[in-house]
Amino acid sequence: PSDKGLIPWLQPADDGLDLVIAQGADVKSMRLARENLFHFIARYWRSPRNERSHYKFDYQKLFRIAVDRGIDIEQKNTDALTPLWVAMHANNFRAFKKLLEAGADTEVKNPDGKHLREACGEMGRKLLLGLIEGEAK
């Protein structure tokens, strides 16, 4: 089926954020920050049983949809951070691992010129650093 002829706000959005708006995600702010579905996943992916989970989604499914739609996994937000950097700042192991598996670039520097490895070390993100270095499974 084609999306042609549908009301624009009912069509799948290029950024994938149409999938999270129904649960109250602040899509307007995310779009102003030039974020996409991968940024959302990087920030919020938690176990559905986690009481601190902001949104109850099947994040595995959201991730697959983002990949299938060809959403840009390397898009930088207005802070010049890719989804992988957002996942590192959120200390989000699940999202970080999936982004790496999907081919996210670990060599992208942050606005301060630091590499991800360096930032992981400075912030004590040993598990994430292990994933980058191929030590954690």
N, C-alpha and C. Protein backbone atom coordinates (compact mmCIF):
# COMPACT_ATOMS: atom_id res chain seq x y z
N PRO A 1 0.82 -1.19 0.00
CA PRO A 1 0.00 0.00 0.00
C PRO A 1 0.87 1.25 0.00
N SER A 2 0.38 2.23 -0.68
CA SER A 2 1.11 3.49 -0.81
C SER A 2 0.63 4.50 0.22
N ASP A 3 1.55 5.38 0.62
CA ASP A 3 1.20 6.47 1.53
C ASP A 3 0.67 7.67 0.76
N LYS A 4 0.71 7.60 -0.55
CA LYS A 4 0.31 8.72 -1.40
C LYS A 4 -1.14 9.10 -1.15
N GLY A 5 -1.38 10.36 -1.03
CA GLY A 5 -2.74 10.85 -0.86
C GLY A 5 -3.20 10.93 0.58
N LEU A 6 -2.42 10.41 1.51
CA LEU A 6 -2.80 10.49 2.92
C LEU A 6 -2.53 11.89 3.46
N ILE A 7 -3.20 12.21 4.54
CA ILE A 7 -2.94 13.47 5.23
C ILE A 7 -1.49 13.41 5.71
N PRO A 8 -0.69 14.45 5.50
CA PRO A 8 0.74 14.40 5.82
C PRO A 8 1.06 13.90 7.22
N TRP A 9 0.30 14.31 8.23
CA TRP A 9 0.65 13.89 9.58
C TRP A 9 0.30 12.44 9.85
N LEU A 10 -0.38 11.77 8.93
CA LEU A 10 -0.66 10.35 9.08
C LEU A 10 0.38 9.48 8.38
N GLN A 11 1.20 10.09 7.57
CA GLN A 11 2.21 9.34 6.83
C GLN A 11 3.42 9.09 7.72
N PRO A 12 4.15 7.99 7.44
CA PRO A 12 5.38 7.76 8.19
C PRO A 12 6.34 8.94 8.01
N ALA A 13 6.88 9.41 9.11
CA ALA A 13 7.81 10.55 9.06
C ALA A 13 9.22 10.07 8.77
N ASP A 14 9.98 10.88 8.06
CA ASP A 14 11.36 10.52 7.73
C ASP A 14 12.21 10.28 8.97
N ASP A 15 11.88 10.95 10.06
CA ASP A 15 12.66 10.81 11.30
C ASP A 15 12.16 9.67 12.19
N GLY A 16 11.03 9.05 11.84
CA GLY A 16 10.49 7.93 12.60
C GLY A 16 9.76 8.32 13.86
N LEU A 17 9.70 9.60 14.18
CA LEU A 17 9.10 10.03 15.45
C LEU A 17 7.58 9.88 15.46
N ASP A 18 6.99 9.64 14.30
CA ASP A 18 5.55 9.37 14.26
C ASP A 18 5.20 8.15 15.09
N LEU A 19 6.15 7.26 15.32
CA LEU A 19 5.91 6.02 16.07
C LEU A 19 5.83 6.24 17.58
N VAL A 20 6.29 7.36 18.08
CA VAL A 20 6.35 7.57 19.53
C VAL A 20 5.45 8.70 20.02
N ILE A 21 4.84 9.41 19.11
CA ILE A 21 4.03 10.56 19.49
C ILE A 21 2.80 10.16 20.30
N ALA A 22 2.23 8.99 20.03
CA ALA A 22 1.00 8.56 20.71
C ALA A 22 1.19 8.36 22.21
N GLN A 23 2.42 8.09 22.66
CA GLN A 23 2.66 7.91 24.09
C GLN A 23 3.14 9.19 24.76
N GLY A 24 3.01 10.29 24.07
CA GLY A 24 3.31 11.57 24.70
C GLY A 24 4.74 12.05 24.57
N ALA A 25 5.51 11.42 23.70
CA ALA A 25 6.89 11.89 23.49
C ALA A 25 6.85 13.32 22.96
N ASP A 26 7.77 14.13 23.41
CA ASP A 26 7.82 15.53 23.00
C ASP A 26 8.50 15.63 21.63
N VAL A 27 7.76 15.22 20.62
CA VAL A 27 8.28 15.17 19.26
C VAL A 27 8.68 16.55 18.75
N LYS A 28 7.93 17.56 19.13
CA LYS A 28 8.25 18.92 18.67
C LYS A 28 9.65 19.33 19.13
N SER A 29 9.95 19.11 20.40
CA SER A 29 11.28 19.46 20.92
C SER A 29 12.37 18.62 20.27
N MET A 30 12.05 17.33 20.05
CA MET A 30 13.04 16.46 19.43
C MET A 30 13.34 16.91 18.00
N ARG A 31 12.31 17.32 17.29
CA ARG A 31 12.53 17.79 15.91
C ARG A 31 13.30 19.11 15.91
N LEU A 32 13.01 19.99 16.86
CA LEU A 32 13.77 21.23 16.96
C LEU A 32 15.25 20.95 17.25
N ALA A 33 15.50 19.86 17.96
CA ALA A 33 16.87 19.45 18.29
C ALA A 33 17.48 18.59 17.18
N ARG A 34 16.78 18.46 16.04
CA ARG A 34 17.23 17.64 14.91
C ARG A 34 17.48 16.19 15.30
N GLU A 35 16.62 15.65 16.15
CA GLU A 35 16.77 14.26 16.56
C GLU A 35 15.81 13.38 15.78
N ASN A 36 16.17 12.09 15.71
CA ASN A 36 15.32 11.13 15.04
C ASN A 36 15.01 9.96 15.98
N LEU A 37 14.39 8.92 15.43
CA LEU A 37 13.99 7.78 16.26
C LEU A 37 15.18 7.11 16.94
N PHE A 38 16.34 7.09 16.29
CA PHE A 38 17.52 6.50 16.93
C PHE A 38 17.95 7.30 18.16
N HIS A 39 17.83 8.61 18.13
CA HIS A 39 18.14 9.43 19.32
C HIS A 39 17.17 9.09 20.45
N PHE A 40 15.88 8.96 20.11
CA PHE A 40 14.86 8.62 21.10
C PHE A 40 15.20 7.28 21.75
N ILE A 41 15.49 6.28 20.92
CA ILE A 41 15.83 4.95 21.42
C ILE A 41 17.08 5.02 22.30
N ALA A 42 18.08 5.76 21.85
CA ALA A 42 19.34 5.89 22.60
C ALA A 42 19.12 6.48 23.98
N ARG A 43 18.18 7.38 24.09
CA ARG A 43 17.92 8.07 25.35
C ARG A 43 17.01 7.26 26.28
N TYR A 44 16.00 6.60 25.73
CA TYR A 44 14.93 6.05 26.58
C TYR A 44 14.83 4.53 26.66
N TRP A 45 15.58 3.77 25.88
CA TRP A 45 15.43 2.31 25.90
C TRP A 45 15.77 1.77 27.28
N ARG A 46 14.77 1.25 27.92
CA ARG A 46 14.92 0.58 29.22
C ARG A 46 14.05 -0.67 29.19
N SER A 47 14.29 -1.55 30.10
CA SER A 47 13.44 -2.73 30.23
C SER A 47 12.02 -2.27 30.54
N PRO A 48 11.01 -2.91 29.93
CA PRO A 48 9.63 -2.52 30.22
C PRO A 48 9.28 -2.70 31.70
N ARG A 49 10.03 -3.54 32.40
CA ARG A 49 9.78 -3.77 33.83
C ARG A 49 10.44 -2.71 34.70
N ASN A 50 11.29 -1.90 34.10
CA ASN A 50 11.99 -0.86 34.84
C ASN A 50 11.00 0.25 35.22
N GLU A 51 10.89 0.50 36.50
CA GLU A 51 9.95 1.52 36.98
C GLU A 51 10.33 2.92 36.50
N ARG A 52 11.62 3.14 36.18
CA ARG A 52 12.07 4.45 35.72
C ARG A 52 11.88 4.63 34.22
N SER A 53 11.32 3.62 33.57
CA SER A 53 11.11 3.70 32.13
C SER A 53 10.07 4.77 31.82
N HIS A 54 10.45 5.75 31.01
CA HIS A 54 9.55 6.85 30.65
C HIS A 54 8.43 6.37 29.74
N TYR A 55 8.79 5.54 28.79
CA TYR A 55 7.84 5.10 27.78
C TYR A 55 7.86 3.59 27.69
N LYS A 56 6.70 3.00 27.52
CA LYS A 56 6.58 1.54 27.41
C LYS A 56 6.46 1.16 25.94
N PHE A 57 7.59 0.82 25.34
CA PHE A 57 7.64 0.43 23.94
C PHE A 57 8.35 -0.90 23.81
N ASP A 58 8.11 -1.57 22.71
CA ASP A 58 8.94 -2.70 22.31
C ASP A 58 10.11 -2.07 21.55
N TYR A 59 11.18 -1.77 22.27
CA TYR A 59 12.29 -1.04 21.67
C TYR A 59 13.01 -1.86 20.60
N GLN A 60 13.01 -3.18 20.74
CA GLN A 60 13.59 -4.02 19.68
C GLN A 60 12.85 -3.77 18.37
N LYS A 61 11.53 -3.74 18.46
CA LYS A 61 10.71 -3.51 17.27
C LYS A 61 10.93 -2.10 16.72
N LEU A 62 10.94 -1.10 17.60
CA LEU A 62 11.20 0.27 17.16
C LEU A 62 12.54 0.37 16.43
N PHE A 63 13.54 -0.32 16.98
CA PHE A 63 14.87 -0.28 16.37
C PHE A 63 14.83 -0.90 14.97
N ARG A 64 14.18 -2.06 14.84
CA ARG A 64 14.07 -2.72 13.53
C ARG A 64 13.37 -1.81 12.52
N ILE A 65 12.30 -1.15 12.96
CA ILE A 65 11.57 -0.25 12.07
C ILE A 65 12.47 0.91 11.63
N ALA A 66 13.24 1.45 12.57
CA ALA A 66 14.15 2.55 12.24
C ALA A 66 15.16 2.11 11.18
N VAL A 67 15.70 0.91 11.34
CA VAL A 67 16.65 0.37 10.36
C VAL A 67 15.95 0.14 9.03
N ASP A 68 14.77 -0.49 9.07
CA ASP A 68 14.02 -0.78 7.84
C ASP A 68 13.64 0.48 7.08
N ARG A 69 13.33 1.54 7.80
CA ARG A 69 12.96 2.81 7.16
C ARG A 69 14.17 3.57 6.63
N GLY A 70 15.34 3.12 6.99
CA GLY A 70 16.55 3.80 6.53
C GLY A 70 16.80 5.12 7.23
N ILE A 71 16.34 5.22 8.47
CA ILE A 71 16.56 6.44 9.25
C ILE A 71 18.07 6.58 9.50
N ASP A 72 18.57 7.78 9.45
CA ASP A 72 20.00 8.06 9.53
C ASP A 72 20.55 7.78 10.93
N ILE A 73 21.34 6.72 11.03
CA ILE A 73 21.92 6.31 12.31
C ILE A 73 23.06 7.24 12.74
N GLU A 74 23.55 8.05 11.81
CA GLU A 74 24.66 8.97 12.09
C GLU A 74 24.23 10.43 12.19
N GLN A 75 22.92 10.68 12.18
CA GLN A 75 22.44 12.07 12.23
C GLN A 75 22.88 12.73 13.53
N LYS A 76 23.44 13.92 13.40
CA LYS A 76 23.84 14.69 14.58
C LYS A 76 22.70 15.62 14.96
N ASN A 77 22.45 15.69 16.27
CA ASN A 77 21.44 16.63 16.76
C ASN A 77 22.06 18.02 16.88
N THR A 78 21.32 18.96 17.43
CA THR A 78 21.82 20.33 17.53
C THR A 78 23.00 20.46 18.50
N ASP A 79 23.21 19.44 19.33
CA ASP A 79 24.40 19.40 20.19
C ASP A 79 25.56 18.71 19.50
N ALA A 80 25.36 18.37 18.21
CA ALA A 80 26.36 17.68 17.38
C ALA A 80 26.66 16.27 17.89
N LEU A 81 25.63 15.61 18.46
CA LEU A 81 25.79 14.25 18.97
C LEU A 81 24.99 13.28 18.12
N THR A 82 25.63 12.18 17.75
CA THR A 82 24.94 11.10 17.05
C THR A 82 24.17 10.27 18.07
N PRO A 83 23.27 9.40 17.62
CA PRO A 83 22.56 8.53 18.57
C PRO A 83 23.51 7.70 19.45
N LEU A 84 24.64 7.26 18.90
CA LEU A 84 25.59 6.48 19.71
C LEU A 84 26.14 7.32 20.86
N TRP A 85 26.43 8.58 20.61
CA TRP A 85 26.88 9.48 21.67
C TRP A 85 25.78 9.71 22.70
N VAL A 86 24.55 9.85 22.24
CA VAL A 86 23.42 10.03 23.16
C VAL A 86 23.28 8.81 24.05
N ALA A 87 23.40 7.61 23.47
CA ALA A 87 23.32 6.37 24.26
C ALA A 87 24.44 6.30 25.29
N MET A 88 25.63 6.75 24.93
CA MET A 88 26.75 6.75 25.87
C MET A 88 26.47 7.70 27.03
N HIS A 89 25.99 8.90 26.72
CA HIS A 89 25.68 9.86 27.79
C HIS A 89 24.57 9.34 28.70
N ALA A 90 23.60 8.60 28.14
CA ALA A 90 22.50 8.04 28.92
C ALA A 90 22.91 6.74 29.61
N ASN A 91 24.15 6.29 29.37
CA ASN A 91 24.64 5.01 29.89
C ASN A 91 23.65 3.89 29.55
N ASN A 92 23.21 3.90 28.31
CA ASN A 92 22.17 2.99 27.85
C ASN A 92 22.81 1.82 27.10
N PHE A 93 23.11 0.76 27.85
CA PHE A 93 23.82 -0.40 27.30
C PHE A 93 23.07 -1.03 26.14
N ARG A 94 21.77 -1.27 26.32
CA ARG A 94 20.99 -1.93 25.26
C ARG A 94 21.05 -1.16 23.94
N ALA A 95 20.76 0.12 24.01
CA ALA A 95 20.75 0.94 22.80
C ALA A 95 22.15 1.05 22.21
N PHE A 96 23.14 1.23 23.06
CA PHE A 96 24.53 1.36 22.60
C PHE A 96 24.94 0.12 21.82
N LYS A 97 24.63 -1.04 22.38
CA LYS A 97 24.99 -2.32 21.74
C LYS A 97 24.29 -2.47 20.40
N LYS A 98 23.00 -2.19 20.34
CA LYS A 98 22.25 -2.32 19.09
C LYS A 98 22.76 -1.33 18.04
N LEU A 99 23.07 -0.13 18.44
CA LEU A 99 23.60 0.86 17.50
C LEU A 99 24.94 0.40 16.93
N LEU A 100 25.79 -0.16 17.78
CA LEU A 100 27.07 -0.69 17.29
C LEU A 100 26.83 -1.83 16.30
N GLU A 101 25.93 -2.74 16.66
CA GLU A 101 25.62 -3.88 15.78
C GLU A 101 25.08 -3.42 14.43
N ALA A 102 24.38 -2.29 14.43
CA ALA A 102 23.80 -1.76 13.19
C ALA A 102 24.81 -0.93 12.39
N GLY A 103 26.02 -0.80 12.92
CA GLY A 103 27.07 -0.13 12.17
C GLY A 103 27.34 1.32 12.52
N ALA A 104 26.86 1.76 13.68
CA ALA A 104 27.13 3.15 14.09
C ALA A 104 28.64 3.39 14.17
N ASP A 105 29.05 4.55 13.74
CA ASP A 105 30.47 4.91 13.66
C ASP A 105 31.00 5.31 15.03
N THR A 106 32.00 4.57 15.52
CA THR A 106 32.60 4.87 16.82
C THR A 106 33.69 5.93 16.72
N GLU A 107 34.04 6.34 15.52
CA GLU A 107 35.12 7.31 15.33
C GLU A 107 34.62 8.76 15.26
N VAL A 108 33.31 8.96 15.30
CA VAL A 108 32.75 10.32 15.27
C VAL A 108 33.12 11.02 16.58
N LYS A 109 33.69 12.20 16.46
CA LYS A 109 34.09 12.96 17.65
C LYS A 109 32.94 13.83 18.13
N ASN A 110 32.97 14.16 19.42
CA ASN A 110 31.98 15.08 19.97
C ASN A 110 32.43 16.52 19.67
N PRO A 111 31.61 17.52 20.02
CA PRO A 111 31.99 18.91 19.72
C PRO A 111 33.30 19.36 20.36
N ASP A 112 33.73 18.67 21.43
CA ASP A 112 34.99 19.02 22.08
C ASP A 112 36.19 18.33 21.43
N GLY A 113 35.92 17.55 20.37
CA GLY A 113 37.00 16.87 19.66
C GLY A 113 37.42 15.55 20.28
N LYS A 114 36.63 15.04 21.22
CA LYS A 114 36.97 13.78 21.87
C LYS A 114 36.40 12.60 21.10
N HIS A 115 37.14 11.50 21.13
CA HIS A 115 36.64 10.25 20.57
C HIS A 115 35.75 9.57 21.61
N LEU A 116 34.89 8.72 21.14
CA LEU A 116 33.96 8.00 22.01
C LEU A 116 34.70 7.16 23.05
N ARG A 117 35.77 6.51 22.64
CA ARG A 117 36.56 5.69 23.58
C ARG A 117 37.04 6.55 24.76
N GLU A 118 37.56 7.72 24.43
CA GLU A 118 38.09 8.63 25.44
C GLU A 118 36.98 9.07 26.40
N ALA A 119 35.83 9.44 25.85
CA ALA A 119 34.71 9.89 26.69
C ALA A 119 34.19 8.76 27.57
N CYS A 120 34.11 7.55 27.02
CA CYS A 120 33.67 6.40 27.83
C CYS A 120 34.61 6.19 29.01
N GLY A 121 35.91 6.29 28.76
CA GLY A 121 36.89 6.13 29.82
C GLY A 121 36.76 7.21 30.89
N GLU A 122 36.62 8.45 30.45
CA GLU A 122 36.51 9.57 31.39
C GLU A 122 35.24 9.50 32.23
N MET A 123 34.16 8.99 31.63
CA MET A 123 32.87 8.94 32.33
C MET A 123 32.65 7.61 33.06
N GLY A 124 33.63 6.73 33.03
CA GLY A 124 33.52 5.46 33.73
C GLY A 124 32.54 4.48 33.09
N ARG A 125 32.35 4.60 31.80
CA ARG A 125 31.44 3.71 31.07
C ARG A 125 32.20 2.47 30.59
N LYS A 126 32.64 1.65 31.55
CA LYS A 126 33.51 0.51 31.24
C LYS A 126 32.83 -0.53 30.35
N LEU A 127 31.55 -0.81 30.61
CA LEU A 127 30.85 -1.79 29.78
C LEU A 127 30.72 -1.29 28.34
N LEU A 128 30.42 -0.02 28.17
CA LEU A 128 30.29 0.53 26.83
C LEU A 128 31.65 0.57 26.13
N LEU A 129 32.68 0.91 26.87
CA LEU A 129 34.03 0.90 26.32
C LEU A 129 34.40 -0.51 25.88
N GLY A 130 34.02 -1.49 26.69
CA GLY A 130 34.26 -2.89 26.34
C GLY A 130 33.57 -3.29 25.05
N LEU A 131 32.37 -2.78 24.84
CA LEU A 131 31.66 -3.07 23.59
C LEU A 131 32.41 -2.48 22.39
N ILE A 132 32.90 -1.27 22.55
CA ILE A 132 33.65 -0.63 21.46
C ILE A 132 34.90 -1.45 21.15
N GLU A 133 35.56 -1.89 22.18
CA GLU A 133 36.82 -2.61 22.00
C GLU A 133 36.61 -4.09 21.73
N GLY A 134 35.35 -4.53 21.69
CA GLY A 134 35.06 -5.92 21.38
C GLY A 134 35.28 -6.89 22.52
N GLU A 135 35.39 -6.37 23.73
CA GLU A 135 35.66 -7.22 24.88
C GLU A 135 34.39 -7.78 25.50
N ALA A 136 33.31 -7.03 25.47
CA ALA A 136 32.05 -7.47 26.08
C ALA A 136 31.20 -8.16 25.03
N LYS A 137 30.48 -9.14 25.44
CA LYS A 137 29.59 -9.88 24.52
C LYS A 137 28.16 -9.62 24.87
